[in-house]
């Protein structure tokens, strides 16, 4: 509703999960994509990576209820240019989209405090995405499996065989030195691949 009140803008599509958001973005090629961080099938962080890889000129705004220094770093590392807390969206959404449409970053005061605190502490860019060692496909499989999808359902969602899902899952467990499914779920929650 906020976006449609602006005469020069229009909502060209809506998706109810991250995978659909990526597909719709690739089809419609919007100037700005607004993503929720916590989406089923493909979280906002991974959806951002995929959208920016396919459409480098499309800007991404993430909104979420969570705020942590590492999460903010991960979101900007994925290619988003704006991060707004859900409690602030009614006050900042239009300004953020306006800035993004001009390919500029947009930070709210709360997010700026975190970004600048990190910068002045000498850590700008020094943080490391804890999922960095995983391939995009491995991150997708971790999310689907941790959301309760079977290997068969995950394979169907990704267009790959069950054996390929099992192979990626095994490689992921080995890379992360995890021993059980419970360990994998804890890892996924801790690293914001899924929400609890």
N, C-alpha and C. Protein backbone atom coordinates (compact mmCIF):
# COMPACT_ATOMS: atom_id res chain seq x y z
N UNK A 1 0.82 -1.20 0.00
CA UNK A 1 0.00 0.00 0.00
C UNK A 1 0.86 1.26 0.00
N UNK A 2 1.93 1.25 0.79
CA UNK A 2 2.82 2.41 0.86
C UNK A 2 3.42 2.71 -0.51
N UNK A 3 3.88 1.65 -1.19
CA UNK A 3 4.52 1.83 -2.49
C UNK A 3 3.52 2.30 -3.53
N UNK A 4 2.33 1.73 -3.53
CA UNK A 4 1.34 2.07 -4.56
C UNK A 4 0.78 3.48 -4.41
N UNK A 5 0.99 4.11 -3.25
CA UNK A 5 0.56 5.50 -3.08
C UNK A 5 1.45 6.46 -3.88
N UNK A 6 2.65 6.01 -4.20
CA UNK A 6 3.58 6.86 -4.96
C UNK A 6 3.21 6.78 -6.44
N UNK A 7 2.90 7.92 -7.04
CA UNK A 7 2.40 7.94 -8.42
C UNK A 7 3.38 7.37 -9.43
N UNK A 8 4.68 7.63 -9.24
CA UNK A 8 5.65 7.21 -10.25
C UNK A 8 6.09 5.75 -10.09
N UNK A 9 5.61 5.06 -9.06
CA UNK A 9 6.02 3.68 -8.81
C UNK A 9 4.84 2.73 -8.93
N UNK A 10 5.18 1.47 -9.10
CA UNK A 10 4.17 0.43 -9.09
C UNK A 10 4.76 -0.88 -8.61
N UNK A 11 3.95 -1.70 -7.99
CA UNK A 11 4.38 -3.02 -7.58
C UNK A 11 4.17 -3.94 -8.79
N UNK A 12 5.26 -4.52 -9.28
CA UNK A 12 5.15 -5.35 -10.49
C UNK A 12 4.99 -6.83 -10.18
N UNK A 13 5.21 -7.22 -8.91
CA UNK A 13 5.03 -8.63 -8.57
C UNK A 13 5.17 -8.85 -7.08
N UNK A 14 4.59 -9.96 -6.60
CA UNK A 14 4.70 -10.36 -5.20
C UNK A 14 4.93 -11.86 -5.15
N UNK A 15 5.74 -12.30 -4.20
CA UNK A 15 6.04 -13.73 -4.05
C UNK A 15 5.88 -14.12 -2.59
N UNK A 16 5.50 -15.38 -2.36
CA UNK A 16 5.31 -15.82 -0.98
C UNK A 16 6.45 -16.67 -0.44
N UNK A 17 7.51 -16.84 -1.24
CA UNK A 17 8.71 -17.52 -0.74
C UNK A 17 9.93 -17.02 -1.52
N UNK A 18 11.09 -17.30 -0.99
CA UNK A 18 12.32 -16.77 -1.58
C UNK A 18 12.61 -17.27 -2.99
N UNK A 19 12.32 -18.54 -3.24
CA UNK A 19 12.58 -19.11 -4.58
C UNK A 19 11.70 -18.42 -5.62
N UNK A 20 10.42 -18.23 -5.27
CA UNK A 20 9.50 -17.54 -6.19
C UNK A 20 9.94 -16.09 -6.39
N UNK A 21 10.46 -15.46 -5.34
CA UNK A 21 10.93 -14.07 -5.46
C UNK A 21 12.07 -13.96 -6.46
N UNK A 22 13.01 -14.90 -6.41
CA UNK A 22 14.13 -14.89 -7.36
C UNK A 22 13.62 -15.08 -8.78
N UNK A 23 12.74 -16.07 -8.97
CA UNK A 23 12.20 -16.34 -10.32
C UNK A 23 11.45 -15.14 -10.86
N UNK A 24 10.63 -14.51 -10.00
CA UNK A 24 9.85 -13.34 -10.43
C UNK A 24 10.77 -12.17 -10.75
N UNK A 25 11.80 -11.97 -9.94
CA UNK A 25 12.75 -10.89 -10.21
C UNK A 25 13.44 -11.11 -11.56
N UNK A 26 13.85 -12.33 -11.83
CA UNK A 26 14.52 -12.62 -13.10
C UNK A 26 13.58 -12.39 -14.28
N UNK A 27 12.30 -12.69 -14.08
CA UNK A 27 11.31 -12.51 -15.15
C UNK A 27 10.96 -11.03 -15.35
N UNK A 28 10.72 -10.30 -14.26
CA UNK A 28 10.22 -8.93 -14.35
C UNK A 28 11.32 -7.86 -14.38
N UNK A 29 12.52 -8.20 -13.91
CA UNK A 29 13.66 -7.28 -13.87
C UNK A 29 13.30 -5.91 -13.26
N UNK A 30 12.86 -5.92 -12.01
CA UNK A 30 12.48 -4.65 -11.36
C UNK A 30 13.69 -3.81 -11.01
N UNK A 31 13.47 -2.53 -10.77
CA UNK A 31 14.54 -1.63 -10.34
C UNK A 31 14.93 -1.94 -8.89
N UNK A 32 13.92 -2.21 -8.05
CA UNK A 32 14.14 -2.46 -6.62
C UNK A 32 13.33 -3.69 -6.20
N UNK A 33 13.96 -4.55 -5.41
CA UNK A 33 13.28 -5.70 -4.83
C UNK A 33 13.27 -5.52 -3.32
N UNK A 34 12.10 -5.70 -2.70
CA UNK A 34 11.96 -5.61 -1.25
C UNK A 34 11.75 -7.03 -0.74
N UNK A 35 12.66 -7.52 0.10
CA UNK A 35 12.61 -8.90 0.59
C UNK A 35 12.54 -8.96 2.11
N UNK A 36 11.75 -9.90 2.59
CA UNK A 36 11.76 -10.23 4.02
C UNK A 36 12.94 -11.18 4.22
N UNK A 37 13.67 -11.02 5.30
CA UNK A 37 14.79 -11.92 5.56
C UNK A 37 14.32 -13.34 5.81
N UNK A 38 13.22 -13.49 6.54
CA UNK A 38 12.72 -14.82 6.92
C UNK A 38 11.65 -15.28 5.95
N UNK A 39 12.07 -15.92 4.86
CA UNK A 39 11.13 -16.46 3.88
C UNK A 39 11.33 -17.96 3.78
N UNK A 40 10.25 -18.71 3.53
CA UNK A 40 10.42 -20.15 3.36
C UNK A 40 11.11 -20.48 2.04
N UNK A 41 11.66 -21.68 1.97
CA UNK A 41 12.31 -22.26 0.79
C UNK A 41 13.64 -21.63 0.43
N UNK A 42 13.76 -20.32 0.53
CA UNK A 42 15.02 -19.64 0.26
C UNK A 42 14.98 -18.34 1.06
N UNK A 43 15.87 -18.20 2.05
CA UNK A 43 15.80 -17.00 2.89
C UNK A 43 16.21 -15.75 2.12
N UNK A 44 15.93 -14.60 2.72
CA UNK A 44 16.21 -13.33 2.05
C UNK A 44 17.67 -13.10 1.72
N UNK A 45 18.56 -13.64 2.55
CA UNK A 45 19.99 -13.49 2.32
C UNK A 45 20.41 -14.23 1.05
N UNK A 46 19.99 -15.48 0.93
CA UNK A 46 20.34 -16.27 -0.25
C UNK A 46 19.60 -15.76 -1.49
N UNK A 47 18.35 -15.33 -1.31
CA UNK A 47 17.60 -14.76 -2.44
C UNK A 47 18.32 -13.50 -2.96
N UNK A 48 18.84 -12.68 -2.04
CA UNK A 48 19.58 -11.49 -2.44
C UNK A 48 20.80 -11.87 -3.27
N UNK A 49 21.56 -12.85 -2.80
CA UNK A 49 22.75 -13.29 -3.55
C UNK A 49 22.37 -13.70 -4.98
N UNK A 50 21.29 -14.48 -5.09
CA UNK A 50 20.89 -14.97 -6.41
C UNK A 50 20.36 -13.85 -7.30
N UNK A 51 19.59 -12.94 -6.73
CA UNK A 51 19.06 -11.82 -7.52
C UNK A 51 20.21 -10.94 -8.01
N UNK A 52 21.15 -10.62 -7.13
CA UNK A 52 22.27 -9.75 -7.51
C UNK A 52 23.18 -10.43 -8.53
N UNK A 53 23.31 -11.76 -8.44
CA UNK A 53 24.12 -12.48 -9.43
C UNK A 53 23.46 -12.42 -10.81
N UNK A 54 22.13 -12.59 -10.85
CA UNK A 54 21.39 -12.59 -12.11
C UNK A 54 21.11 -11.19 -12.62
N UNK A 55 20.88 -10.24 -11.71
CA UNK A 55 20.47 -8.88 -12.07
C UNK A 55 21.30 -7.86 -11.29
N UNK A 56 22.55 -7.65 -11.67
CA UNK A 56 23.42 -6.76 -10.88
C UNK A 56 22.90 -5.33 -10.73
N UNK A 57 22.06 -4.86 -11.65
CA UNK A 57 21.56 -3.49 -11.56
C UNK A 57 20.31 -3.36 -10.70
N UNK A 58 19.71 -4.47 -10.34
CA UNK A 58 18.53 -4.44 -9.47
C UNK A 58 19.01 -4.25 -8.04
N UNK A 59 18.42 -3.29 -7.34
CA UNK A 59 18.78 -3.02 -5.96
C UNK A 59 17.87 -3.83 -5.03
N UNK A 60 18.41 -4.22 -3.88
CA UNK A 60 17.65 -5.05 -2.94
C UNK A 60 17.58 -4.36 -1.57
N UNK A 61 16.38 -4.33 -1.04
CA UNK A 61 16.11 -3.83 0.31
C UNK A 61 15.64 -5.03 1.14
N UNK A 62 16.28 -5.25 2.28
CA UNK A 62 15.89 -6.33 3.19
C UNK A 62 15.18 -5.72 4.39
N UNK A 63 14.06 -6.30 4.79
CA UNK A 63 13.47 -5.89 6.05
C UNK A 63 13.34 -7.12 6.94
N UNK A 64 13.54 -6.89 8.21
CA UNK A 64 13.57 -7.99 9.17
C UNK A 64 13.28 -7.48 10.57
N UNK A 65 12.96 -8.39 11.44
CA UNK A 65 12.76 -8.04 12.84
C UNK A 65 14.03 -8.20 13.65
N UNK A 66 15.08 -8.71 13.01
CA UNK A 66 16.33 -8.99 13.72
C UNK A 66 17.38 -7.92 13.45
N UNK A 67 18.21 -7.70 14.45
CA UNK A 67 19.29 -6.74 14.30
C UNK A 67 20.53 -7.28 15.02
N UNK A 68 21.54 -7.59 14.26
CA UNK A 68 22.82 -7.97 14.85
C UNK A 68 23.91 -7.48 13.92
N UNK A 69 25.05 -7.22 14.48
CA UNK A 69 26.17 -6.73 13.70
C UNK A 69 26.53 -7.71 12.58
N UNK A 70 26.59 -8.99 12.90
CA UNK A 70 26.96 -9.99 11.89
C UNK A 70 25.90 -10.08 10.80
N UNK A 71 24.63 -10.04 11.18
CA UNK A 71 23.56 -10.12 10.19
C UNK A 71 23.61 -8.92 9.25
N UNK A 72 23.82 -7.74 9.78
CA UNK A 72 23.92 -6.55 8.94
C UNK A 72 25.08 -6.70 7.96
N UNK A 73 26.21 -7.16 8.45
CA UNK A 73 27.37 -7.38 7.59
C UNK A 73 27.04 -8.39 6.49
N UNK A 74 26.40 -9.50 6.86
CA UNK A 74 26.07 -10.54 5.89
C UNK A 74 25.12 -10.03 4.81
N UNK A 75 24.14 -9.23 5.22
CA UNK A 75 23.16 -8.69 4.28
C UNK A 75 23.83 -7.77 3.26
N UNK A 76 24.70 -6.89 3.73
CA UNK A 76 25.38 -5.99 2.80
C UNK A 76 26.40 -6.74 1.95
N UNK A 77 27.03 -7.76 2.51
CA UNK A 77 27.96 -8.58 1.73
C UNK A 77 27.24 -9.34 0.62
N UNK A 78 25.99 -9.70 0.87
CA UNK A 78 25.20 -10.42 -0.15
C UNK A 78 24.80 -9.51 -1.31
N UNK A 79 24.87 -8.19 -1.09
CA UNK A 79 24.57 -7.26 -2.18
C UNK A 79 23.40 -6.32 -1.94
N UNK A 80 22.70 -6.47 -0.81
CA UNK A 80 21.61 -5.53 -0.50
C UNK A 80 22.21 -4.16 -0.20
N UNK A 81 21.46 -3.10 -0.48
CA UNK A 81 21.93 -1.75 -0.21
C UNK A 81 21.14 -1.07 0.90
N UNK A 82 20.10 -1.75 1.39
CA UNK A 82 19.33 -1.16 2.47
C UNK A 82 18.80 -2.28 3.36
N UNK A 83 18.70 -1.98 4.64
CA UNK A 83 18.27 -2.93 5.66
C UNK A 83 17.40 -2.14 6.61
N UNK A 84 16.15 -2.52 6.70
CA UNK A 84 15.21 -1.79 7.56
C UNK A 84 14.56 -2.77 8.53
N UNK A 85 14.48 -2.37 9.78
CA UNK A 85 13.79 -3.19 10.77
C UNK A 85 12.29 -3.07 10.54
N UNK A 86 11.57 -4.16 10.78
CA UNK A 86 10.12 -4.16 10.54
C UNK A 86 9.42 -3.08 11.35
N UNK A 87 9.94 -2.76 12.52
CA UNK A 87 9.33 -1.72 13.34
C UNK A 87 9.50 -0.33 12.73
N UNK A 88 10.41 -0.19 11.77
CA UNK A 88 10.69 1.13 11.16
C UNK A 88 10.19 1.26 9.73
N UNK A 89 9.58 0.21 9.20
CA UNK A 89 9.30 0.18 7.77
C UNK A 89 8.32 1.28 7.33
N UNK A 90 7.30 1.58 8.13
CA UNK A 90 6.34 2.60 7.71
C UNK A 90 6.98 3.99 7.63
N UNK A 91 8.04 4.21 8.41
CA UNK A 91 8.70 5.52 8.40
C UNK A 91 9.79 5.63 7.34
N UNK A 92 10.35 4.51 6.91
CA UNK A 92 11.54 4.56 6.06
C UNK A 92 11.42 3.91 4.67
N UNK A 93 10.37 3.12 4.44
CA UNK A 93 10.29 2.37 3.19
C UNK A 93 10.39 3.26 1.95
N UNK A 94 9.61 4.30 1.89
CA UNK A 94 9.58 5.17 0.69
C UNK A 94 10.93 5.85 0.49
N UNK A 95 11.51 6.38 1.54
CA UNK A 95 12.83 7.03 1.42
C UNK A 95 13.89 6.03 0.98
N UNK A 96 13.81 4.81 1.50
CA UNK A 96 14.78 3.78 1.13
C UNK A 96 14.65 3.43 -0.35
N UNK A 97 13.43 3.22 -0.81
CA UNK A 97 13.22 2.87 -2.23
C UNK A 97 13.68 4.02 -3.12
N UNK A 98 13.39 5.24 -2.71
CA UNK A 98 13.81 6.41 -3.50
C UNK A 98 15.35 6.43 -3.62
N UNK A 99 16.06 6.19 -2.52
CA UNK A 99 17.53 6.15 -2.55
C UNK A 99 18.02 5.01 -3.42
N UNK A 100 17.43 3.83 -3.25
CA UNK A 100 17.85 2.67 -4.04
C UNK A 100 17.60 2.86 -5.52
N UNK A 101 16.52 3.55 -5.88
CA UNK A 101 16.23 3.78 -7.30
C UNK A 101 17.30 4.67 -7.94
N UNK A 102 18.08 5.36 -7.09
CA UNK A 102 19.21 6.17 -7.58
C UNK A 102 20.54 5.46 -7.30
N UNK A 103 20.45 4.16 -6.97
CA UNK A 103 21.63 3.30 -6.69
C UNK A 103 22.46 3.83 -5.52
N UNK A 104 21.77 4.31 -4.49
CA UNK A 104 22.43 4.78 -3.27
C UNK A 104 22.02 3.88 -2.10
N UNK A 105 22.91 3.75 -1.12
CA UNK A 105 22.58 3.01 0.10
C UNK A 105 21.56 3.81 0.90
N UNK A 106 20.82 3.11 1.76
CA UNK A 106 19.93 3.78 2.69
C UNK A 106 20.02 3.06 4.02
N UNK A 107 20.39 3.81 5.06
CA UNK A 107 20.47 3.26 6.42
C UNK A 107 19.54 4.05 7.33
N UNK A 108 18.86 3.37 8.21
CA UNK A 108 18.13 4.07 9.27
C UNK A 108 19.16 4.42 10.34
N UNK A 109 18.79 5.26 11.28
CA UNK A 109 19.72 5.67 12.33
C UNK A 109 20.20 4.46 13.13
N UNK A 110 19.30 3.52 13.43
CA UNK A 110 19.69 2.36 14.23
C UNK A 110 20.70 1.48 13.50
N UNK A 111 20.52 1.30 12.21
CA UNK A 111 21.45 0.48 11.44
C UNK A 111 22.76 1.22 11.25
N UNK A 112 22.70 2.53 11.02
CA UNK A 112 23.92 3.34 10.87
C UNK A 112 24.81 3.23 12.09
N UNK A 113 24.21 3.23 13.27
CA UNK A 113 24.99 3.11 14.51
C UNK A 113 25.82 1.83 14.50
N UNK A 114 25.21 0.73 14.10
CA UNK A 114 25.91 -0.56 14.07
C UNK A 114 27.01 -0.56 13.01
N UNK A 115 26.68 -0.06 11.81
CA UNK A 115 27.65 -0.02 10.71
C UNK A 115 28.85 0.84 11.09
N UNK A 116 28.60 2.03 11.62
CA UNK A 116 29.70 2.92 11.95
C UNK A 116 30.49 2.46 13.17
N UNK A 117 29.82 1.83 14.12
CA UNK A 117 30.55 1.29 15.28
C UNK A 117 31.55 0.25 14.81
N UNK A 118 31.14 -0.58 13.88
CA UNK A 118 32.03 -1.62 13.34
C UNK A 118 33.18 -0.96 12.56
N UNK A 119 32.85 0.05 11.76
CA UNK A 119 33.86 0.74 10.97
C UNK A 119 34.90 1.39 11.87
N UNK A 120 34.43 2.11 12.88
CA UNK A 120 35.37 2.82 13.75
C UNK A 120 36.15 1.88 14.67
N UNK A 121 35.65 0.68 14.82
CA UNK A 121 36.39 -0.32 15.61
C UNK A 121 37.45 -0.99 14.74
N UNK A 122 37.56 -0.56 13.48
CA UNK A 122 38.59 -1.09 12.57
C UNK A 122 38.22 -2.42 11.96
N UNK A 123 36.89 -2.72 11.93
CA UNK A 123 36.47 -4.01 11.40
C UNK A 123 35.68 -3.88 10.12
N UNK A 124 35.72 -2.75 9.44
CA UNK A 124 34.92 -2.63 8.23
C UNK A 124 35.37 -3.67 7.23
N UNK A 125 34.43 -4.51 6.85
CA UNK A 125 34.74 -5.56 5.88
C UNK A 125 35.51 -6.72 6.46
N UNK A 126 35.86 -6.67 7.74
CA UNK A 126 36.66 -7.75 8.30
C UNK A 126 35.83 -8.92 8.78
N UNK A 127 34.52 -8.70 8.97
CA UNK A 127 33.66 -9.79 9.41
C UNK A 127 33.55 -10.84 8.34
N UNK A 128 33.29 -12.05 8.73
CA UNK A 128 33.22 -13.12 7.77
C UNK A 128 31.87 -13.81 7.89
N UNK A 129 31.19 -13.97 6.78
CA UNK A 129 29.94 -14.69 6.74
C UNK A 129 30.22 -16.12 7.16
N UNK A 130 29.54 -16.57 8.22
CA UNK A 130 29.81 -17.91 8.74
C UNK A 130 29.33 -19.00 7.79
N UNK A 131 28.56 -18.65 6.77
CA UNK A 131 28.13 -19.64 5.78
C UNK A 131 28.99 -19.56 4.53
N UNK A 132 30.03 -18.74 4.58
CA UNK A 132 30.87 -18.47 3.40
C UNK A 132 31.49 -19.73 2.80
N UNK A 133 31.84 -20.72 3.64
CA UNK A 133 32.47 -21.92 3.13
C UNK A 133 31.52 -22.83 2.37
N UNK A 134 30.23 -22.56 2.45
CA UNK A 134 29.24 -23.38 1.75
C UNK A 134 28.96 -22.80 0.38
N UNK A 135 28.66 -23.68 -0.56
CA UNK A 135 28.28 -23.21 -1.89
C UNK A 135 26.83 -22.72 -1.82
N UNK A 136 26.40 -21.92 -2.80
CA UNK A 136 24.99 -21.50 -2.80
C UNK A 136 24.04 -22.70 -2.77
N UNK A 137 24.35 -23.75 -3.51
CA UNK A 137 23.49 -24.94 -3.54
C UNK A 137 23.44 -25.60 -2.16
N UNK A 138 24.59 -25.67 -1.47
CA UNK A 138 24.61 -26.26 -0.13
C UNK A 138 23.76 -25.44 0.84
N UNK A 139 23.82 -24.10 0.75
CA UNK A 139 23.00 -23.25 1.62
C UNK A 139 21.51 -23.48 1.34
N UNK A 140 21.15 -23.63 0.06
CA UNK A 140 19.76 -23.89 -0.29
C UNK A 140 19.29 -25.21 0.30
N UNK A 141 20.12 -26.24 0.17
CA UNK A 141 19.75 -27.56 0.68
C UNK A 141 19.64 -27.53 2.19
N UNK A 142 20.57 -26.85 2.87
CA UNK A 142 20.49 -26.73 4.33
C UNK A 142 19.16 -26.09 4.71
N UNK A 143 18.77 -25.03 4.03
CA UNK A 143 17.51 -24.36 4.38
C UNK A 143 16.32 -25.29 4.16
N UNK A 144 16.25 -25.92 3.00
CA UNK A 144 15.10 -26.78 2.72
C UNK A 144 15.01 -27.95 3.69
N UNK A 145 16.14 -28.60 3.97
CA UNK A 145 16.16 -29.74 4.89
C UNK A 145 15.77 -29.29 6.30
N UNK A 146 16.31 -28.16 6.73
CA UNK A 146 16.02 -27.67 8.08
C UNK A 146 14.60 -27.14 8.22
N UNK A 147 13.96 -26.82 7.09
CA UNK A 147 12.55 -26.43 7.12
C UNK A 147 11.64 -27.66 7.11
N UNK A 148 12.24 -28.86 7.11
CA UNK A 148 11.46 -30.08 7.22
C UNK A 148 11.19 -30.80 5.91
N UNK A 149 11.79 -30.32 4.82
CA UNK A 149 11.60 -30.99 3.53
C UNK A 149 12.41 -32.29 3.50
N UNK A 150 11.86 -33.31 2.88
CA UNK A 150 12.60 -34.56 2.69
C UNK A 150 13.64 -34.35 1.60
N UNK A 151 14.57 -35.29 1.47
CA UNK A 151 15.55 -35.21 0.39
C UNK A 151 14.85 -35.18 -0.96
N UNK A 152 13.78 -35.97 -1.09
CA UNK A 152 13.03 -36.02 -2.34
C UNK A 152 12.38 -34.66 -2.65
N UNK A 153 11.74 -34.06 -1.63
CA UNK A 153 11.08 -32.76 -1.82
C UNK A 153 12.11 -31.67 -2.11
N UNK A 154 13.25 -31.71 -1.42
CA UNK A 154 14.31 -30.72 -1.68
C UNK A 154 14.83 -30.87 -3.11
N UNK A 155 15.03 -32.10 -3.54
CA UNK A 155 15.48 -32.35 -4.92
C UNK A 155 14.49 -31.84 -5.94
N UNK A 156 13.19 -32.08 -5.67
CA UNK A 156 12.14 -31.62 -6.59
C UNK A 156 12.12 -30.09 -6.65
N UNK A 157 12.27 -29.43 -5.50
CA UNK A 157 12.25 -27.96 -5.45
C UNK A 157 13.43 -27.37 -6.22
N UNK A 158 14.57 -28.06 -6.21
CA UNK A 158 15.78 -27.55 -6.84
C UNK A 158 16.02 -28.12 -8.23
N UNK A 159 15.19 -29.10 -8.63
CA UNK A 159 15.36 -29.72 -9.94
C UNK A 159 16.60 -30.61 -10.02
N UNK A 160 16.92 -31.27 -8.90
CA UNK A 160 18.09 -32.17 -8.87
C UNK A 160 17.66 -33.52 -8.28
N UNK A 161 18.49 -34.52 -8.42
CA UNK A 161 18.15 -35.86 -7.94
C UNK A 161 18.30 -35.97 -6.43
N UNK A 162 17.67 -37.00 -5.87
CA UNK A 162 17.78 -37.26 -4.44
C UNK A 162 19.24 -37.54 -4.09
N UNK A 163 19.93 -38.29 -4.95
CA UNK A 163 21.35 -38.61 -4.70
C UNK A 163 22.19 -37.33 -4.62
N UNK A 164 21.89 -36.35 -5.48
CA UNK A 164 22.63 -35.09 -5.47
C UNK A 164 22.36 -34.34 -4.16
N UNK A 165 21.10 -34.35 -3.71
CA UNK A 165 20.76 -33.72 -2.43
C UNK A 165 21.54 -34.39 -1.31
N UNK A 166 21.54 -35.72 -1.30
CA UNK A 166 22.25 -36.47 -0.26
C UNK A 166 23.74 -36.17 -0.29
N UNK A 167 24.28 -36.06 -1.49
CA UNK A 167 25.71 -35.76 -1.64
C UNK A 167 26.04 -34.37 -1.09
N UNK A 168 25.23 -33.38 -1.43
CA UNK A 168 25.44 -32.02 -0.91
C UNK A 168 25.27 -31.98 0.60
N UNK A 169 24.26 -32.68 1.09
CA UNK A 169 24.01 -32.70 2.53
C UNK A 169 25.20 -33.31 3.27
N UNK A 170 25.71 -34.41 2.74
CA UNK A 170 26.86 -35.07 3.35
C UNK A 170 28.09 -34.17 3.32
N UNK A 171 28.34 -33.53 2.17
CA UNK A 171 29.49 -32.63 2.04
C UNK A 171 29.37 -31.46 3.02
N UNK A 172 28.15 -30.96 3.19
CA UNK A 172 27.93 -29.84 4.11
C UNK A 172 28.22 -30.25 5.54
N UNK A 173 27.71 -31.40 5.93
CA UNK A 173 27.94 -31.90 7.30
C UNK A 173 29.44 -32.07 7.55
N UNK A 174 30.15 -32.58 6.55
CA UNK A 174 31.59 -32.79 6.68
C UNK A 174 32.33 -31.45 6.79
N UNK A 175 31.99 -30.50 5.90
CA UNK A 175 32.62 -29.17 5.91
C UNK A 175 32.44 -28.47 7.25
N UNK A 176 31.23 -28.58 7.78
CA UNK A 176 30.90 -27.88 9.01
C UNK A 176 31.26 -28.67 10.27
N UNK A 177 31.74 -29.89 10.06
CA UNK A 177 32.10 -30.80 11.17
C UNK A 177 30.91 -31.02 12.11
N UNK A 178 29.76 -31.29 11.50
CA UNK A 178 28.55 -31.56 12.26
C UNK A 178 28.28 -33.06 12.25
N UNK A 179 27.70 -33.54 13.33
CA UNK A 179 27.50 -34.98 13.44
C UNK A 179 26.05 -35.42 13.35
N UNK A 180 25.11 -34.51 13.54
CA UNK A 180 23.71 -34.93 13.53
C UNK A 180 22.84 -33.87 12.85
N UNK A 181 21.61 -34.29 12.55
CA UNK A 181 20.64 -33.37 11.97
C UNK A 181 20.36 -32.22 12.94
N UNK A 182 20.30 -32.53 14.23
CA UNK A 182 20.07 -31.48 15.24
C UNK A 182 21.18 -30.43 15.19
N UNK A 183 22.43 -30.88 15.01
CA UNK A 183 23.56 -29.94 14.89
C UNK A 183 23.36 -29.05 13.66
N UNK A 184 22.89 -29.65 12.56
CA UNK A 184 22.67 -28.89 11.32
C UNK A 184 21.58 -27.84 11.54
N UNK A 185 20.51 -28.20 12.21
CA UNK A 185 19.42 -27.25 12.48
C UNK A 185 19.92 -26.11 13.36
N UNK A 186 20.69 -26.43 14.40
CA UNK A 186 21.24 -25.37 15.27
C UNK A 186 22.14 -24.44 14.46
N UNK A 187 22.96 -25.01 13.59
CA UNK A 187 23.84 -24.20 12.74
C UNK A 187 23.00 -23.28 11.85
N UNK A 188 21.96 -23.83 11.23
CA UNK A 188 21.11 -23.04 10.33
C UNK A 188 20.41 -21.90 11.06
N UNK A 189 19.96 -22.15 12.28
CA UNK A 189 19.29 -21.09 13.06
C UNK A 189 20.31 -20.04 13.49
N UNK A 190 21.46 -20.48 13.99
CA UNK A 190 22.50 -19.56 14.45
C UNK A 190 22.99 -18.65 13.33
N UNK A 191 23.04 -19.16 12.10
CA UNK A 191 23.55 -18.40 10.96
C UNK A 191 22.46 -17.81 10.09
N UNK A 192 21.23 -17.78 10.64
CA UNK A 192 20.09 -17.12 9.99
C UNK A 192 19.74 -17.70 8.63
N UNK A 193 20.04 -18.98 8.42
CA UNK A 193 19.61 -19.66 7.19
C UNK A 193 18.13 -19.97 7.32
N UNK A 194 17.69 -20.32 8.52
CA UNK A 194 16.28 -20.49 8.85
C UNK A 194 16.01 -19.75 10.15
N UNK A 195 14.74 -19.50 10.42
CA UNK A 195 14.39 -18.87 11.69
C UNK A 195 13.74 -19.90 12.59
N UNK A 196 13.94 -19.73 13.89
CA UNK A 196 13.41 -20.70 14.86
C UNK A 196 11.91 -20.57 14.99
